[in-house]
Amino acid sequence: MRTASEKLAIIRLVEESELSVRRTLREIRVSRSSFYRWYAAYAQDGLDGLENQGGTSRRHWNRIPDSVRSLVVEVALESPDLTPRELAWHITDTTTTLSLSPVCTVFSRATT
């Protein structure tokens, strides 16, 4: 992971290079997506925008939010006679849109 000063040096190098952005980045082995992300962050927030943000914002794309998990458990405890499909329908009818998949996932993890 590069420091903010290294990112700034790369931005300046690309800006001052006589080569195209693409070729300069290829020569120094920096991906274009990283460069343009750094460039946008620098344009918006200056040097502070280039500071490493850490991994706190990374999430699994398919993680069931805790609020949905809690809702499924709460409704399941209130209506133990409902099947997972009926439970998903009930939650969708009363509160929020919810597919069958998270309900089944919550149940399968609770029983293993």
N, C-alpha and C. Protein backbone atom coordinates (compact mmCIF):
# COMPACT_ATOMS: atom_id res chain seq x y z
N MET A 1 0.85 -1.17 0.00
CA MET A 1 0.00 0.00 0.00
C MET A 1 0.90 1.24 0.00
N ARG A 2 0.57 2.16 -0.84
CA ARG A 2 1.40 3.36 -0.98
C ARG A 2 0.96 4.45 -0.01
N THR A 3 1.94 5.26 0.40
CA THR A 3 1.65 6.38 1.29
C THR A 3 1.08 7.53 0.48
N ALA A 4 0.53 8.52 1.17
CA ALA A 4 -0.04 9.68 0.51
C ALA A 4 1.03 10.43 -0.30
N SER A 5 2.24 10.53 0.25
CA SER A 5 3.30 11.24 -0.48
C SER A 5 3.73 10.47 -1.73
N GLU A 6 3.71 9.14 -1.68
CA GLU A 6 4.04 8.35 -2.87
C GLU A 6 2.96 8.53 -3.95
N LYS A 7 1.70 8.54 -3.52
CA LYS A 7 0.60 8.74 -4.47
C LYS A 7 0.70 10.11 -5.12
N LEU A 8 1.02 11.13 -4.32
CA LEU A 8 1.16 12.48 -4.86
C LEU A 8 2.32 12.54 -5.86
N ALA A 9 3.41 11.87 -5.54
CA ALA A 9 4.55 11.84 -6.46
C ALA A 9 4.17 11.17 -7.79
N ILE A 10 3.37 10.14 -7.72
CA ILE A 10 2.91 9.47 -8.94
C ILE A 10 2.00 10.39 -9.75
N ILE A 11 1.10 11.08 -9.06
CA ILE A 11 0.21 12.03 -9.75
C ILE A 11 1.02 13.09 -10.46
N ARG A 12 2.00 13.66 -9.78
CA ARG A 12 2.85 14.70 -10.39
C ARG A 12 3.65 14.15 -11.56
N LEU A 13 4.18 12.94 -11.40
CA LEU A 13 4.95 12.31 -12.46
C LEU A 13 4.09 12.13 -13.72
N VAL A 14 2.88 11.67 -13.54
CA VAL A 14 1.99 11.46 -14.68
C VAL A 14 1.63 12.79 -15.32
N GLU A 15 1.35 13.80 -14.50
CA GLU A 15 0.99 15.11 -15.03
C GLU A 15 2.13 15.74 -15.84
N GLU A 16 3.35 15.53 -15.40
CA GLU A 16 4.50 16.16 -16.04
C GLU A 16 5.12 15.31 -17.17
N SER A 17 4.67 14.09 -17.30
CA SER A 17 5.25 13.19 -18.29
C SER A 17 4.85 13.61 -19.71
N GLU A 18 5.76 13.42 -20.64
CA GLU A 18 5.47 13.68 -22.04
C GLU A 18 4.73 12.50 -22.68
N LEU A 19 4.76 11.37 -22.01
CA LEU A 19 4.05 10.19 -22.50
C LEU A 19 2.57 10.30 -22.15
N SER A 20 1.76 9.46 -22.75
CA SER A 20 0.34 9.44 -22.41
C SER A 20 0.18 8.91 -20.98
N VAL A 21 -0.96 9.20 -20.39
CA VAL A 21 -1.23 8.72 -19.04
C VAL A 21 -1.13 7.20 -19.00
N ARG A 22 -1.77 6.57 -19.97
CA ARG A 22 -1.78 5.11 -20.01
C ARG A 22 -0.37 4.53 -20.07
N ARG A 23 0.44 5.08 -20.92
CA ARG A 23 1.79 4.55 -21.09
C ARG A 23 2.66 4.84 -19.86
N THR A 24 2.52 6.03 -19.30
CA THR A 24 3.28 6.37 -18.09
C THR A 24 2.94 5.41 -16.96
N LEU A 25 1.64 5.17 -16.78
CA LEU A 25 1.22 4.27 -15.71
C LEU A 25 1.71 2.85 -15.96
N ARG A 26 1.70 2.43 -17.21
CA ARG A 26 2.21 1.10 -17.54
C ARG A 26 3.70 1.01 -17.19
N GLU A 27 4.45 2.07 -17.52
CA GLU A 27 5.89 2.08 -17.26
C GLU A 27 6.20 1.99 -15.76
N ILE A 28 5.41 2.65 -14.95
CA ILE A 28 5.67 2.64 -13.50
C ILE A 28 4.84 1.58 -12.77
N ARG A 29 4.09 0.81 -13.55
CA ARG A 29 3.30 -0.32 -13.02
C ARG A 29 2.30 0.08 -11.96
N VAL A 30 1.48 1.05 -12.33
CA VAL A 30 0.36 1.49 -11.49
C VAL A 30 -0.90 1.33 -12.32
N SER A 31 -1.92 0.72 -11.73
CA SER A 31 -3.15 0.52 -12.50
C SER A 31 -3.85 1.86 -12.74
N ARG A 32 -4.52 1.95 -13.88
CA ARG A 32 -5.24 3.18 -14.20
C ARG A 32 -6.36 3.44 -13.20
N SER A 33 -7.04 2.38 -12.76
CA SER A 33 -8.14 2.58 -11.81
C SER A 33 -7.62 3.16 -10.49
N SER A 34 -6.48 2.68 -10.03
CA SER A 34 -5.89 3.24 -8.80
C SER A 34 -5.51 4.69 -9.01
N PHE A 35 -4.83 4.95 -10.12
CA PHE A 35 -4.39 6.33 -10.40
C PHE A 35 -5.57 7.29 -10.43
N TYR A 36 -6.62 6.94 -11.17
CA TYR A 36 -7.76 7.86 -11.29
C TYR A 36 -8.53 8.00 -9.98
N ARG A 37 -8.54 6.95 -9.16
CA ARG A 37 -9.15 7.05 -7.83
C ARG A 37 -8.34 8.02 -6.97
N TRP A 38 -7.00 7.89 -7.01
CA TRP A 38 -6.13 8.81 -6.27
C TRP A 38 -6.29 10.23 -6.79
N TYR A 39 -6.33 10.38 -8.10
CA TYR A 39 -6.42 11.69 -8.73
C TYR A 39 -7.71 12.40 -8.32
N ALA A 40 -8.81 11.67 -8.31
CA ALA A 40 -10.10 12.26 -7.90
C ALA A 40 -10.07 12.63 -6.43
N ALA A 41 -9.49 11.77 -5.60
CA ALA A 41 -9.42 12.05 -4.16
C ALA A 41 -8.54 13.27 -3.90
N TYR A 42 -7.44 13.39 -4.65
CA TYR A 42 -6.55 14.54 -4.50
C TYR A 42 -7.23 15.83 -4.97
N ALA A 43 -7.96 15.75 -6.08
CA ALA A 43 -8.66 16.93 -6.60
C ALA A 43 -9.73 17.40 -5.62
N GLN A 44 -10.36 16.47 -4.93
CA GLN A 44 -11.45 16.84 -4.02
C GLN A 44 -10.93 17.27 -2.65
N ASP A 45 -9.96 16.54 -2.08
CA ASP A 45 -9.55 16.78 -0.69
C ASP A 45 -8.08 17.09 -0.50
N GLY A 46 -7.35 17.28 -1.59
CA GLY A 46 -5.92 17.57 -1.45
C GLY A 46 -5.16 16.37 -0.93
N LEU A 47 -4.06 16.63 -0.23
CA LEU A 47 -3.21 15.57 0.29
C LEU A 47 -3.96 14.66 1.26
N ASP A 48 -4.90 15.23 2.03
CA ASP A 48 -5.69 14.42 2.96
C ASP A 48 -6.49 13.34 2.24
N GLY A 49 -6.92 13.61 1.03
CA GLY A 49 -7.68 12.64 0.26
C GLY A 49 -6.85 11.43 -0.16
N LEU A 50 -5.54 11.57 -0.12
CA LEU A 50 -4.66 10.47 -0.52
C LEU A 50 -4.27 9.56 0.64
N GLU A 51 -4.66 9.94 1.85
CA GLU A 51 -4.35 9.11 3.01
C GLU A 51 -5.09 7.78 2.89
N ASN A 52 -4.46 6.70 3.35
CA ASN A 52 -5.09 5.39 3.31
C ASN A 52 -6.27 5.37 4.27
N GLN A 53 -7.39 4.90 3.78
CA GLN A 53 -8.62 4.90 4.57
C GLN A 53 -8.78 3.65 5.42
N GLY A 54 -7.99 2.65 5.20
CA GLY A 54 -8.12 1.40 5.94
C GLY A 54 -9.18 0.52 5.33
N GLY A 55 -9.37 -0.64 5.90
CA GLY A 55 -10.30 -1.60 5.34
C GLY A 55 -11.66 -1.60 5.98
N THR A 56 -12.00 -0.55 6.73
CA THR A 56 -13.26 -0.56 7.45
C THR A 56 -14.47 -0.49 6.53
N SER A 57 -14.32 0.08 5.34
CA SER A 57 -15.48 0.22 4.47
C SER A 57 -15.72 -1.03 3.63
N ARG A 58 -14.85 -1.98 3.68
CA ARG A 58 -15.01 -3.18 2.87
C ARG A 58 -16.04 -4.10 3.52
N ARG A 59 -16.97 -4.57 2.69
CA ARG A 59 -17.99 -5.52 3.14
C ARG A 59 -18.12 -6.61 2.11
N HIS A 60 -18.60 -7.72 2.56
CA HIS A 60 -18.92 -8.76 1.59
C HIS A 60 -20.19 -8.32 0.88
N TRP A 61 -20.22 -8.48 -0.41
CA TRP A 61 -21.33 -8.00 -1.21
C TRP A 61 -22.63 -8.71 -0.85
N ASN A 62 -22.56 -9.92 -0.35
CA ASN A 62 -23.79 -10.66 -0.09
C ASN A 62 -24.06 -10.85 1.40
N ARG A 63 -23.43 -10.07 2.24
CA ARG A 63 -23.65 -10.18 3.68
C ARG A 63 -25.04 -9.69 4.03
N ILE A 64 -25.73 -10.44 4.86
CA ILE A 64 -27.06 -10.04 5.30
C ILE A 64 -26.88 -9.02 6.42
N PRO A 65 -27.45 -7.81 6.25
CA PRO A 65 -27.30 -6.79 7.29
C PRO A 65 -27.87 -7.26 8.63
N ASP A 66 -27.26 -6.81 9.71
CA ASP A 66 -27.71 -7.21 11.04
C ASP A 66 -29.17 -6.85 11.28
N SER A 67 -29.62 -5.73 10.73
CA SER A 67 -31.01 -5.32 10.92
C SER A 67 -31.98 -6.32 10.29
N VAL A 68 -31.63 -6.84 9.11
CA VAL A 68 -32.47 -7.84 8.44
C VAL A 68 -32.43 -9.14 9.21
N ARG A 69 -31.24 -9.54 9.65
CA ARG A 69 -31.09 -10.77 10.43
C ARG A 69 -31.94 -10.70 11.70
N SER A 70 -31.88 -9.58 12.40
CA SER A 70 -32.67 -9.40 13.63
C SER A 70 -34.16 -9.44 13.34
N LEU A 71 -34.56 -8.81 12.25
CA LEU A 71 -35.97 -8.80 11.87
C LEU A 71 -36.47 -10.22 11.58
N VAL A 72 -35.69 -10.99 10.86
CA VAL A 72 -36.08 -12.37 10.54
C VAL A 72 -36.23 -13.19 11.82
N VAL A 73 -35.27 -13.07 12.72
CA VAL A 73 -35.33 -13.82 13.97
C VAL A 73 -36.53 -13.38 14.80
N GLU A 74 -36.74 -12.09 14.89
CA GLU A 74 -37.86 -11.56 15.69
C GLU A 74 -39.20 -12.06 15.17
N VAL A 75 -39.42 -11.96 13.87
CA VAL A 75 -40.69 -12.40 13.29
C VAL A 75 -40.83 -13.91 13.39
N ALA A 76 -39.73 -14.64 13.22
CA ALA A 76 -39.78 -16.11 13.33
C ALA A 76 -40.16 -16.54 14.73
N LEU A 77 -39.67 -15.84 15.74
CA LEU A 77 -40.02 -16.18 17.12
C LEU A 77 -41.48 -15.83 17.43
N GLU A 78 -41.99 -14.77 16.81
CA GLU A 78 -43.39 -14.38 17.02
C GLU A 78 -44.34 -15.33 16.31
N SER A 79 -43.92 -15.91 15.18
CA SER A 79 -44.77 -16.79 14.38
C SER A 79 -44.04 -18.09 14.05
N PRO A 80 -43.86 -18.96 15.03
CA PRO A 80 -43.08 -20.17 14.80
C PRO A 80 -43.72 -21.17 13.83
N ASP A 81 -45.00 -20.99 13.53
CA ASP A 81 -45.70 -21.91 12.62
C ASP A 81 -45.44 -21.60 11.14
N LEU A 82 -44.82 -20.45 10.82
CA LEU A 82 -44.58 -20.08 9.43
C LEU A 82 -43.36 -20.80 8.86
N THR A 83 -43.47 -21.22 7.62
CA THR A 83 -42.32 -21.78 6.91
C THR A 83 -41.41 -20.62 6.50
N PRO A 84 -40.18 -20.89 6.10
CA PRO A 84 -39.31 -19.79 5.65
C PRO A 84 -39.93 -18.97 4.51
N ARG A 85 -40.59 -19.64 3.57
CA ARG A 85 -41.23 -18.92 2.46
C ARG A 85 -42.36 -18.02 2.98
N GLU A 86 -43.19 -18.55 3.86
CA GLU A 86 -44.29 -17.76 4.43
C GLU A 86 -43.75 -16.61 5.27
N LEU A 87 -42.65 -16.87 5.95
CA LEU A 87 -42.01 -15.82 6.76
C LEU A 87 -41.52 -14.68 5.87
N ALA A 88 -40.89 -15.02 4.74
CA ALA A 88 -40.43 -13.99 3.80
C ALA A 88 -41.61 -13.20 3.26
N TRP A 89 -42.70 -13.89 2.92
CA TRP A 89 -43.91 -13.20 2.43
C TRP A 89 -44.47 -12.28 3.51
N HIS A 90 -44.53 -12.79 4.74
CA HIS A 90 -45.07 -11.99 5.84
C HIS A 90 -44.24 -10.71 6.07
N ILE A 91 -42.93 -10.86 6.07
CA ILE A 91 -42.06 -9.69 6.27
C ILE A 91 -42.23 -8.70 5.11
N THR A 92 -42.33 -9.22 3.90
CA THR A 92 -42.51 -8.35 2.73
C THR A 92 -43.85 -7.62 2.81
N ASP A 93 -44.89 -8.30 3.26
CA ASP A 93 -46.21 -7.68 3.37
C ASP A 93 -46.28 -6.63 4.46
N THR A 94 -45.52 -6.80 5.53
CA THR A 94 -45.66 -5.90 6.68
C THR A 94 -44.56 -4.84 6.80
N THR A 95 -43.35 -5.13 6.36
CA THR A 95 -42.28 -4.16 6.58
C THR A 95 -41.48 -3.80 5.36
N THR A 96 -40.67 -4.71 4.90
CA THR A 96 -39.72 -4.41 3.83
C THR A 96 -39.67 -5.55 2.83
N THR A 97 -39.16 -5.28 1.66
CA THR A 97 -39.02 -6.31 0.65
C THR A 97 -37.89 -7.25 1.05
N LEU A 98 -38.18 -8.52 1.04
CA LEU A 98 -37.20 -9.51 1.45
C LEU A 98 -37.43 -10.78 0.66
N SER A 99 -36.37 -11.31 0.10
CA SER A 99 -36.51 -12.56 -0.66
C SER A 99 -36.39 -13.75 0.29
N LEU A 100 -36.61 -14.90 -0.25
CA LEU A 100 -36.54 -16.12 0.54
C LEU A 100 -35.11 -16.44 0.97
N SER A 101 -34.14 -16.07 0.15
CA SER A 101 -32.75 -16.44 0.39
C SER A 101 -32.21 -16.02 1.76
N PRO A 102 -32.35 -14.75 2.19
CA PRO A 102 -31.81 -14.39 3.51
C PRO A 102 -32.52 -15.12 4.65
N VAL A 103 -33.80 -15.39 4.47
CA VAL A 103 -34.54 -16.10 5.52
C VAL A 103 -33.96 -17.51 5.67
N CYS A 104 -33.76 -18.18 4.56
CA CYS A 104 -33.17 -19.53 4.60
C CYS A 104 -31.76 -19.51 5.16
N THR A 105 -30.99 -18.50 4.81
CA THR A 105 -29.63 -18.37 5.32
C THR A 105 -29.62 -18.20 6.84
N VAL A 106 -30.50 -17.34 7.34
CA VAL A 106 -30.59 -17.12 8.79
C VAL A 106 -30.98 -18.42 9.48
N PHE A 107 -31.96 -19.14 8.93
CA PHE A 107 -32.40 -20.40 9.53
C PHE A 107 -31.29 -21.46 9.49
N SER A 108 -30.61 -21.56 8.37
CA SER A 108 -29.59 -22.60 8.25
C SER A 108 -28.43 -22.34 9.20
N ARG A 109 -28.09 -21.10 9.40
CA ARG A 109 -26.99 -20.78 10.34
C ARG A 109 -27.42 -20.94 11.78
N ALA A 110 -28.70 -20.77 12.05
CA ALA A 110 -29.20 -20.92 13.41
C ALA A 110 -29.29 -22.39 13.81
N THR A 111 -29.44 -23.28 12.83
CA THR A 111 -29.61 -24.69 13.15
C THR A 111 -28.31 -25.49 13.06
N THR A 112 -27.22 -24.86 12.60
CA THR A 112 -25.96 -25.61 12.50
C THR A 112 -25.03 -25.28 13.63
